[in-house]
């Protein structure tokens, strides 16, 4: 089935999933159960980003240097994901996509060109260049800029008794900046990709619940 490019979802694959042997098959199973639309994947930093964090902590790098290294770490994680995903294609831009794409195709977005040379020209609040904004916020920023129909964060765990993005950030489910980055995304939610039922978590509009348990 072919889908128009104005109907697509941004899917962020959590870096903590990369070292699990079951995530590729779990991901494909999950995609097959979703409403058909174009799937654009972003890959979290995982172990490469953790190494940059540790290096930054040890050497107290300038924010501009640690930011650049963290972005490069996303490129390594992207290549790791590509190595184990069948029929995955890497794309470098959402500005020049073909008019149609197979809804079951896996397109991995290299976010480095967007962050280095595109984001500054797009409307809306730019991402901070520090550790308060990770790949969660990058995915939200891209979903907001390009008007994605959905933003899905694939995680290895979900918190309990958490009802909004602010609480989710406090629990560590998403990064500190994410509640601000996601404000203009109409449909955003998390999925536990390690759960056979792929349980989802969505923010509630009801009264806030404190605290948020991980």
Protein backbone atom coordinates (compact mmCIF):
# COMPACT_ATOMS: atom_id res chain seq x y z
CA UNK A 1 0.00 0.00 0.00
CA UNK A 2 1.27 3.48 -0.84
CA UNK A 3 0.70 6.51 1.37
CA UNK A 4 0.97 10.22 0.61
CA UNK A 5 3.88 11.94 2.34
CA UNK A 6 1.56 14.33 4.23
CA UNK A 7 0.41 11.35 6.32
CA UNK A 8 3.37 10.00 8.25
CA UNK A 9 4.51 9.17 11.74
CA UNK A 10 7.83 9.94 13.37
CA UNK A 11 9.02 6.94 15.40
CA UNK A 12 11.91 7.33 17.79
CA UNK A 13 13.65 4.06 18.64
CA UNK A 14 15.11 4.28 22.14
CA UNK A 15 18.85 3.73 22.27
CA UNK A 16 18.48 1.40 25.26
CA UNK A 17 16.74 -1.08 22.96
CA UNK A 18 19.67 -1.49 20.58
CA UNK A 19 21.54 -4.06 22.67
CA UNK A 20 18.48 -6.32 22.93
CA UNK A 21 18.38 -9.15 20.39
CA UNK A 22 14.59 -9.06 20.03
CA UNK A 23 13.97 -5.44 19.13
CA UNK A 24 14.10 -5.77 15.30
CA UNK A 25 11.41 -8.47 15.23
CA UNK A 26 9.37 -6.66 17.90
CA UNK A 27 9.54 -3.46 15.89
CA UNK A 28 8.41 -5.09 12.65
CA UNK A 29 5.54 -6.81 14.47
CA UNK A 30 4.45 -3.52 16.01
CA UNK A 31 4.60 -1.64 12.70
CA UNK A 32 2.46 -4.26 11.00
CA UNK A 33 -0.31 -3.68 13.56
CA UNK A 34 -0.44 0.10 13.12
CA UNK A 35 -2.74 2.18 10.95
CA UNK A 36 -0.92 2.27 7.59
CA UNK A 37 1.05 5.44 6.98
CA UNK A 38 4.60 6.38 6.16
CA UNK A 39 7.06 5.45 8.92
CA UNK A 40 10.07 7.70 9.53
CA UNK A 41 12.40 6.35 12.22
CA UNK A 42 14.91 8.18 14.38
CA UNK A 43 17.41 6.18 16.43
CA UNK A 44 18.42 7.19 19.94
CA UNK A 45 22.01 7.55 21.04
CA UNK A 46 22.29 4.41 23.17
CA UNK A 47 25.80 3.27 24.09
CA UNK A 48 27.59 5.76 21.79
CA UNK A 49 25.78 8.68 23.46
CA UNK A 50 26.50 7.20 26.90
CA UNK A 51 30.18 7.18 26.01
CA UNK A 52 30.02 10.86 25.06
CA UNK A 53 28.26 11.66 28.36
CA UNK A 54 30.98 9.85 30.33
CA UNK A 55 33.72 11.57 28.32
CA UNK A 56 32.06 14.95 28.88
CA UNK A 57 31.77 14.30 32.63
CA UNK A 58 35.43 13.31 32.86
CA UNK A 59 36.80 16.24 30.85
CA UNK A 60 34.20 19.00 31.35
CA UNK A 61 33.95 19.76 27.64
CA UNK A 62 32.60 23.00 26.24
CA UNK A 63 28.86 22.61 25.47
CA UNK A 64 29.47 23.14 21.76
CA UNK A 65 31.95 20.24 21.67
CA UNK A 66 29.82 17.80 23.66
CA UNK A 67 26.82 18.74 21.48
CA UNK A 68 28.76 18.00 18.30
CA UNK A 69 30.02 14.67 19.66
CA UNK A 70 26.53 13.68 20.80
CA UNK A 71 25.15 14.34 17.32
CA UNK A 72 27.87 12.16 15.81
CA UNK A 73 26.95 9.42 18.29
CA UNK A 74 23.45 9.41 16.80
CA UNK A 75 25.02 8.63 13.43
CA UNK A 76 26.75 5.55 14.82
CA UNK A 77 23.54 4.30 16.45
CA UNK A 78 21.75 4.83 13.16
CA UNK A 79 24.24 2.61 11.34
CA UNK A 80 23.94 -0.03 14.05
CA UNK A 81 20.16 -0.11 13.60
CA UNK A 82 20.49 -0.28 9.83
CA UNK A 83 22.80 -3.30 10.14
CA UNK A 84 20.09 -5.48 11.70
CA UNK A 85 16.91 -4.13 10.10
CA UNK A 86 15.94 -5.84 6.84
CA UNK A 87 15.01 -3.59 3.93
CA UNK A 88 15.74 -0.36 5.81
CA UNK A 89 16.73 2.77 3.91
CA UNK A 90 18.61 5.76 5.33
CA UNK A 91 17.30 9.17 4.32
CA UNK A 92 18.90 12.52 5.09
CA UNK A 93 16.03 14.97 4.68
CA UNK A 94 12.27 15.29 4.98
CA UNK A 95 12.20 18.27 2.63
CA UNK A 96 12.75 16.30 -0.58
CA UNK A 97 10.87 13.05 -0.06
CA UNK A 98 9.28 11.24 -2.97
CA UNK A 99 5.54 11.77 -3.29
CA UNK A 100 4.70 8.24 -2.20
CA UNK A 101 6.22 5.50 -0.07
CA UNK A 102 5.23 2.01 0.99
CA UNK A 103 3.53 2.16 4.38
CA UNK A 104 5.49 -0.89 5.60
CA UNK A 105 8.87 0.48 4.50
CA UNK A 106 11.35 1.37 7.23
CA UNK A 107 13.02 4.70 6.55
CA UNK A 108 15.79 5.68 8.98
CA UNK A 109 16.31 9.43 9.19
CA UNK A 110 19.86 10.67 9.69
CA UNK A 111 19.13 13.70 11.88
CA UNK A 112 22.60 15.21 11.59
CA UNK A 113 21.88 17.37 8.50
CA UNK A 114 18.70 18.69 10.11
CA UNK A 115 20.48 19.62 13.34
CA UNK A 116 23.55 21.12 11.71
CA UNK A 117 22.08 23.13 8.86
CA UNK A 118 18.27 22.94 8.67
CA UNK A 119 16.78 23.50 12.11
CA UNK A 120 17.93 27.12 12.40
CA UNK A 121 15.85 28.04 9.33
CA UNK A 122 12.65 26.43 10.62
CA UNK A 123 10.01 28.26 12.71
CA UNK A 124 9.51 27.47 16.39
CA UNK A 125 11.77 27.21 19.42
CA UNK A 126 15.15 25.73 18.63
CA UNK A 127 16.57 22.84 20.60
CA UNK A 128 19.05 23.72 23.37
CA UNK A 129 22.59 22.55 22.75
CA UNK A 130 23.03 20.70 26.02
CA UNK A 131 22.04 17.42 27.69
CA UNK A 132 18.52 18.68 28.53
CA UNK A 133 17.50 17.80 24.96
CA UNK A 134 18.20 14.27 23.73
CA UNK A 135 16.85 12.29 20.80
CA UNK A 136 13.34 12.41 22.33
CA UNK A 137 13.27 16.18 21.91
CA UNK A 138 14.92 15.94 18.49
CA UNK A 139 12.11 13.64 17.37
CA UNK A 140 9.49 16.03 18.79
CA UNK A 141 11.09 19.02 17.07
CA UNK A 142 11.12 17.22 13.73
CA UNK A 143 7.53 16.02 14.18
CA UNK A 144 6.48 19.61 14.94
CA UNK A 145 8.39 21.20 12.05
CA UNK A 146 7.08 18.76 9.44
CA UNK A 147 3.57 18.24 10.82
CA UNK A 148 3.72 14.51 11.53
CA UNK A 149 0.40 12.80 12.16
CA UNK A 150 1.94 10.89 15.06
CA UNK A 151 5.04 10.90 17.22
CA UNK A 152 5.80 7.53 18.80
CA UNK A 153 8.59 6.96 21.32
CA UNK A 154 9.57 3.29 21.46
CA UNK A 155 10.90 2.59 24.95
CA UNK A 156 12.20 -0.36 26.98
CA UNK A 157 10.00 0.55 29.95
CA UNK A 158 7.06 2.77 30.90
CA UNK A 159 6.39 4.51 34.21
CA UNK A 160 3.41 3.91 36.45
CA UNK A 161 0.98 6.57 37.68
CA UNK A 162 2.32 9.17 35.26
CA UNK A 163 -0.22 11.35 33.50
CA UNK A 164 1.57 14.15 31.64
CA UNK A 165 4.84 14.88 29.87
CA UNK A 166 6.12 17.00 32.75
CA UNK A 167 5.82 14.06 35.13
CA UNK A 168 7.28 11.77 32.48
CA UNK A 169 10.33 14.05 32.26
CA UNK A 170 10.69 14.03 36.06
CA UNK A 171 10.65 10.23 36.04
CA UNK A 172 13.32 10.07 33.33
CA UNK A 173 11.01 8.54 30.72
CA UNK A 174 11.72 11.51 28.42
CA UNK A 175 14.34 14.24 28.57
CA UNK A 176 13.98 17.54 30.41
CA UNK A 177 13.20 19.62 27.31
CA UNK A 178 10.69 17.23 25.80
CA UNK A 179 7.53 18.70 27.44
CA UNK A 180 8.30 21.98 25.64
CA UNK A 181 9.34 20.40 22.33
CA UNK A 182 6.18 18.27 22.10
CA UNK A 183 3.66 21.07 22.73
CA UNK A 184 2.78 21.52 19.04
CA UNK A 185 2.63 17.79 18.25
CA UNK A 186 -1.00 16.73 18.14
CA UNK A 187 -0.62 13.00 18.82
CA UNK A 188 2.40 11.81 20.81
CA UNK A 189 2.73 8.68 22.92
CA UNK A 190 5.15 6.02 24.18
CA UNK A 191 5.21 2.27 23.53
CA UNK A 192 7.02 -0.40 25.52
CA UNK A 193 8.65 -2.37 22.72
CA UNK A 194 9.89 -5.07 25.13
CA UNK A 195 6.32 -5.97 26.11
CA UNK A 196 4.69 -8.66 23.91
CA UNK A 197 1.49 -6.61 24.01
CA UNK A 198 3.39 -3.39 23.14
CA UNK A 199 1.61 -1.48 25.90
CA UNK A 200 1.26 2.23 25.15
CA UNK A 201 1.32 5.26 27.43
CA UNK A 202 -0.40 8.52 26.51
CA UNK A 203 -0.54 11.78 28.46
CA UNK A 204 -3.85 12.46 30.17
CA UNK A 205 -5.79 15.71 30.21
CA UNK A 206 -7.22 14.87 33.62
CA UNK A 207 -6.00 16.07 37.00
CA UNK A 208 -2.29 15.58 37.57
CA UNK A 209 -1.06 12.65 39.59
CA UNK A 210 2.07 12.99 41.73
CA UNK A 211 4.52 11.43 42.03
CA UNK A 212 5.43 9.59 38.86
CA UNK A 213 6.82 6.13 39.62
CA UNK A 214 9.36 4.56 37.25
